[in-house]
Amino acid sequence: MLQQWIKSCHDPLVGRGDLTGEQWARLEPLLPVGKKPGRPPVWSKRQLINGIRWRTRTGGPWRDVPARYGEWETVYGLFRRWQRDGIWCRILTQLQTEADTKGLIIWDVSVDSTVARAHQHAAGARKRGICSGTNQAESQTSPPTTGSDAHAVD
């Protein structure tokens, strides 16, 4: 196993954040199986998923996905197709269910409101001004649009 890890670390085609062999072995059975007969794909699913992971990890544009993961259009196309079909959600649900069954997930939630920040424009109204307690704003009436002041319509 150590030899395999050393080989993957020195392989120029394997990026730093790419799926390890162990991760891929866990993920591969959850992926949908291709239905189309014909020409085999140019890029492996592992390469394309590593490209998707690169893009989501770095936040870079799709066009900047490194060429070792495939053409950016192909990487994006797989991401978008699986997103529309709900495949990403299904994979996540399966992995969470299995991890929860094994006791690997702790579902405790802790919220510390002292770190919740409001936007600067949500800071509130001015302390002094037309709405202070001693200087109440008065409502001004708008000109009447009906009654004797209204223009006659024939």
Protein backbone atom coordinates (compact mmCIF):
# COMPACT_ATOMS: atom_id res chain seq x y z
CA MET A 1 0.00 0.00 0.00
CA LEU A 2 2.87 2.35 0.80
CA GLN A 3 4.36 1.70 -2.65
CA GLN A 4 1.04 2.62 -4.27
CA TRP A 5 0.88 5.85 -2.28
CA ILE A 6 4.45 6.75 -3.21
CA LYS A 7 3.71 6.06 -6.88
CA SER A 8 0.58 8.24 -6.82
CA CYS A 9 2.52 11.08 -5.14
CA HIS A 10 5.13 11.09 -7.90
CA ASP A 11 2.76 10.57 -10.80
CA PRO A 12 2.66 13.86 -12.77
CA LEU A 13 -0.90 13.14 -13.90
CA VAL A 14 -2.24 12.97 -10.33
CA GLY A 15 -2.99 16.34 -8.76
CA ARG A 16 -2.65 17.16 -5.09
CA GLY A 17 -6.42 17.18 -4.44
CA ASP A 18 -7.32 14.22 -6.68
CA LEU A 19 -9.18 11.17 -5.44
CA THR A 20 -6.97 8.55 -3.86
CA GLY A 21 -7.27 4.92 -4.90
CA GLU A 22 -9.16 4.17 -1.70
CA GLN A 23 -11.60 7.06 -2.22
CA TRP A 24 -12.17 6.04 -5.83
CA ALA A 25 -12.84 2.43 -4.83
CA ARG A 26 -15.49 3.72 -2.40
CA LEU A 27 -17.08 6.11 -4.91
CA GLU A 28 -17.03 4.09 -8.13
CA PRO A 29 -19.82 1.61 -7.22
CA LEU A 30 -22.16 4.56 -6.50
CA LEU A 31 -21.78 6.08 -9.98
CA PRO A 32 -24.33 5.54 -12.73
CA VAL A 33 -23.44 3.04 -15.44
CA GLY A 34 -23.23 4.26 -19.02
CA LYS A 35 -26.14 3.17 -21.23
CA LYS A 36 -24.87 4.14 -24.67
CA PRO A 37 -23.16 1.60 -26.89
CA GLY A 38 -20.46 2.75 -29.23
CA ARG A 39 -17.17 4.54 -28.99
CA PRO A 40 -15.51 4.40 -25.56
CA PRO A 41 -15.14 7.72 -23.75
CA VAL A 42 -11.91 9.67 -24.17
CA TRP A 43 -11.79 10.73 -20.51
CA SER A 44 -12.38 8.40 -17.58
CA LYS A 45 -15.06 9.19 -15.01
CA ARG A 46 -12.31 9.48 -12.41
CA GLN A 47 -10.52 12.19 -14.42
CA LEU A 48 -13.75 14.12 -14.98
CA ILE A 49 -14.76 13.91 -11.31
CA ASN A 50 -11.29 15.06 -10.30
CA GLY A 51 -11.80 18.01 -12.67
CA ILE A 52 -15.14 18.81 -11.02
CA ARG A 53 -13.50 18.55 -7.60
CA TRP A 54 -10.68 20.86 -8.76
CA ARG A 55 -13.16 23.46 -9.92
CA THR A 56 -15.29 23.37 -6.74
CA ARG A 57 -12.21 23.34 -4.49
CA THR A 58 -10.49 26.31 -6.16
CA GLY A 59 -13.55 28.28 -7.22
CA GLY A 60 -11.91 28.97 -10.57
CA PRO A 61 -13.84 29.28 -13.82
CA TRP A 62 -14.77 26.13 -15.71
CA ARG A 63 -12.52 27.23 -18.58
CA ASP A 64 -9.50 27.05 -16.23
CA VAL A 65 -9.92 23.37 -15.36
CA PRO A 66 -6.49 21.78 -16.05
CA ALA A 67 -6.26 19.78 -19.28
CA ARG A 68 -5.27 16.59 -17.42
CA TYR A 69 -8.92 16.33 -16.29
CA GLY A 70 -10.34 16.59 -19.78
CA GLU A 71 -11.78 19.37 -21.87
CA TRP A 72 -13.55 21.88 -19.66
CA GLU A 73 -16.79 21.49 -21.66
CA THR A 74 -16.76 17.75 -20.96
CA VAL A 75 -16.07 18.26 -17.23
CA TYR A 76 -18.83 20.86 -16.97
CA GLY A 77 -21.21 18.76 -19.04
CA LEU A 78 -20.88 15.79 -16.68
CA PHE A 79 -21.28 18.04 -13.63
CA ARG A 80 -24.39 19.73 -15.00
CA ARG A 81 -25.99 16.53 -16.31
CA TRP A 82 -25.57 14.78 -12.96
CA GLN A 83 -26.79 17.86 -11.15
CA ARG A 84 -29.99 17.97 -13.21
CA ASP A 85 -30.56 14.21 -12.79
CA GLY A 86 -30.06 14.35 -9.01
CA ILE A 87 -27.09 11.99 -9.09
CA TRP A 88 -24.88 14.15 -6.84
CA CYS A 89 -27.65 14.28 -4.24
CA ARG A 90 -28.16 10.51 -4.42
CA ILE A 91 -24.41 9.84 -3.99
CA LEU A 92 -24.21 12.19 -1.02
CA THR A 93 -27.25 10.59 0.62
CA GLN A 94 -25.82 7.08 0.16
CA LEU A 95 -22.44 8.07 1.60
CA GLN A 96 -24.04 9.84 4.56
CA THR A 97 -26.34 6.89 5.27
CA GLU A 98 -23.46 4.42 5.25
CA ALA A 99 -21.26 6.66 7.41
CA ASP A 100 -24.12 7.20 9.87
CA THR A 101 -24.77 3.45 10.07
CA LYS A 102 -21.10 2.91 10.94
CA GLY A 103 -21.30 5.64 13.61
CA LEU A 104 -18.88 7.93 11.77
CA ILE A 105 -21.16 10.99 11.84
CA ILE A 106 -22.01 12.95 14.97
CA TRP A 107 -25.16 14.96 14.34
CA ASP A 108 -24.69 17.46 17.20
CA VAL A 109 -25.20 21.03 16.10
CA SER A 110 -23.85 24.00 18.00
CA VAL A 111 -24.61 27.57 17.01
CA ASP A 112 -22.70 30.44 18.53
CA SER A 113 -24.55 33.66 17.81
CA THR A 114 -21.60 35.82 18.81
CA VAL A 115 -20.02 35.22 15.41
CA ALA A 116 -23.15 36.00 13.38
CA ARG A 117 -22.47 39.27 11.62
CA ALA A 118 -24.96 41.59 9.99
CA HIS A 119 -24.19 43.55 6.87
CA GLN A 120 -23.16 47.15 7.51
CA HIS A 121 -26.42 48.44 6.04
CA ALA A 122 -28.40 46.34 8.52
CA ALA A 123 -26.96 48.24 11.50
CA GLY A 124 -30.19 50.15 12.17
CA ALA A 125 -31.46 53.69 12.01
CA ARG A 126 -29.59 56.77 13.16
CA LYS A 127 -29.86 57.61 16.86
CA ARG A 128 -30.74 61.25 16.25
CA GLY A 129 -32.83 62.58 13.49
CA ILE A 130 -36.39 63.07 12.44
CA CYS A 131 -37.58 59.87 14.15
CA SER A 132 -36.22 60.52 17.65
CA GLY A 133 -38.67 60.50 20.54
CA THR A 134 -38.70 64.28 20.99
CA ASN A 135 -38.99 65.11 17.31
CA GLN A 136 -41.71 62.92 15.82
CA ALA A 137 -42.07 63.02 12.06
CA GLU A 138 -45.38 64.32 10.86
CA SER A 139 -47.29 62.91 7.94
CA GLN A 140 -47.94 65.31 5.11
CA THR A 141 -51.08 64.84 3.11
CA SER A 142 -50.86 64.54 -0.61
CA PRO A 143 -53.01 66.72 -2.86
CA PRO A 144 -56.51 65.37 -3.35
CA THR A 145 -57.24 63.52 -6.54
CA THR A 146 -60.99 63.30 -6.11
CA GLY A 147 -63.76 65.62 -5.10
CA SER A 148 -64.01 69.28 -5.98
CA ASP A 149 -60.29 69.73 -6.69
CA ALA A 150 -60.21 66.98 -9.33
CA HIS A 151 -60.40 67.83 -13.01
CA ALA A 152 -63.74 67.21 -14.56
CA VAL A 153 -63.94 64.39 -17.04
CA ASP A 154 -66.60 64.70 -19.73
